Protein backbone atom coordinates (compact mmCIF):
# COMPACT_ATOMS: atom_id res chain seq x y z
CA MET A 1 96.42 94.58 87.84
CA ILE A 2 97.63 91.16 86.75
CA THR A 3 98.86 90.13 83.34
CA VAL A 4 96.69 87.32 82.01
CA THR A 5 98.26 84.82 79.61
CA ARG A 6 97.06 81.56 78.11
CA SER A 7 98.45 79.65 81.07
CA THR A 8 96.84 81.93 83.67
CA GLU A 9 94.21 80.12 85.67
CA ARG A 10 91.86 81.37 88.38
CA LEU A 11 90.81 79.29 91.36
CA LEU A 12 88.59 80.15 94.28
CA PHE A 13 89.07 78.41 97.63
CA ARG A 14 86.69 78.51 100.58
CA VAL A 15 88.73 78.60 103.76
CA GLU A 16 87.80 77.60 107.30
CA GLY A 17 89.43 79.42 110.21
CA MET A 18 90.11 82.76 108.54
CA SER A 19 88.54 85.08 111.11
CA CYS A 20 90.65 88.24 111.34
CA GLU A 21 92.84 90.63 109.36
CA GLN A 22 95.99 88.85 110.53
CA CYS A 23 94.61 85.52 109.24
CA ARG A 24 93.81 87.11 105.89
CA LYS A 25 97.33 88.53 105.55
CA LYS A 26 98.95 85.25 106.60
CA ILE A 27 97.11 83.32 103.88
CA GLU A 28 97.87 85.92 101.20
CA MET A 29 101.57 85.90 102.11
CA ALA A 30 101.75 82.08 102.02
CA VAL A 31 100.05 81.81 98.63
CA ASN A 32 101.79 84.82 97.04
CA ALA A 33 105.17 83.32 98.04
CA LEU A 34 104.67 80.39 95.64
CA PRO A 35 106.46 80.66 92.29
CA GLY A 36 103.87 81.00 89.57
CA VAL A 37 101.29 82.89 91.62
CA LYS A 38 100.38 86.12 89.88
CA GLU A 39 98.02 87.36 92.60
CA ALA A 40 96.15 86.05 95.63
CA ARG A 41 93.22 88.00 97.06
CA THR A 42 91.39 87.11 100.23
CA SER A 43 87.88 88.02 101.36
CA LEU A 44 87.43 87.93 105.10
CA ASP A 45 83.64 88.37 104.78
CA LYS A 46 83.24 85.48 102.33
CA LYS A 47 86.08 83.36 103.83
CA GLU A 48 87.50 82.91 100.32
CA VAL A 49 90.86 83.08 98.59
CA GLU A 50 90.96 83.93 94.88
CA VAL A 51 94.20 82.96 93.17
CA PHE A 52 95.48 83.82 89.69
CA PHE A 53 98.43 81.61 88.78
CA ASP A 54 100.47 80.12 85.97
CA SER A 55 99.02 76.63 85.52
CA GLY A 56 102.21 75.57 83.74
CA ARG A 57 104.22 76.14 86.92
CA LEU A 58 101.79 75.33 89.73
CA ARG A 59 99.02 72.87 90.54
CA ARG A 60 95.89 73.22 92.67
CA GLU A 61 97.32 70.85 95.27
CA GLU A 62 100.32 73.13 95.82
CA LEU A 63 98.03 76.10 96.42
CA GLU A 64 95.95 74.10 98.89
CA LYS A 65 99.13 72.97 100.66
CA ALA A 66 100.21 76.61 101.10
CA ILE A 67 96.85 77.46 102.70
CA THR A 68 96.85 74.42 105.00
CA GLY A 69 100.53 75.01 105.80
CA ALA A 70 99.55 78.48 107.04
CA GLY A 71 97.17 76.77 109.49
CA TYR A 72 93.81 76.89 107.71
CA LYS A 73 91.47 74.32 106.20
CA VAL A 74 90.42 74.37 102.54
CA LEU A 75 86.75 73.41 102.19
CA ASP A 76 85.32 71.50 99.20
C-alpha cells in the first residue's frame, strides 16, 4: 500500500514490446529505481505501467525515459 500525499500523482503508460514476465520485471525495476517513485505496477495483459510518484521530485518525461531506457516504447 502506498502513502498518498498532495504531491502524489498517478500516470498510466501504454508500453510496446512488453511481452513476457522478464520484460514486466525489467520495466518495474527501472521505474521503481527513480527517486520519487512510490510504486510502479505493470500489467502484462494490458501492456500498461501504472506509476504513483511525487510530482514535486519527478516529471513525466523522466518516467518515460526510464521505460525507453529499459528498451521499450511508450505509446501515446
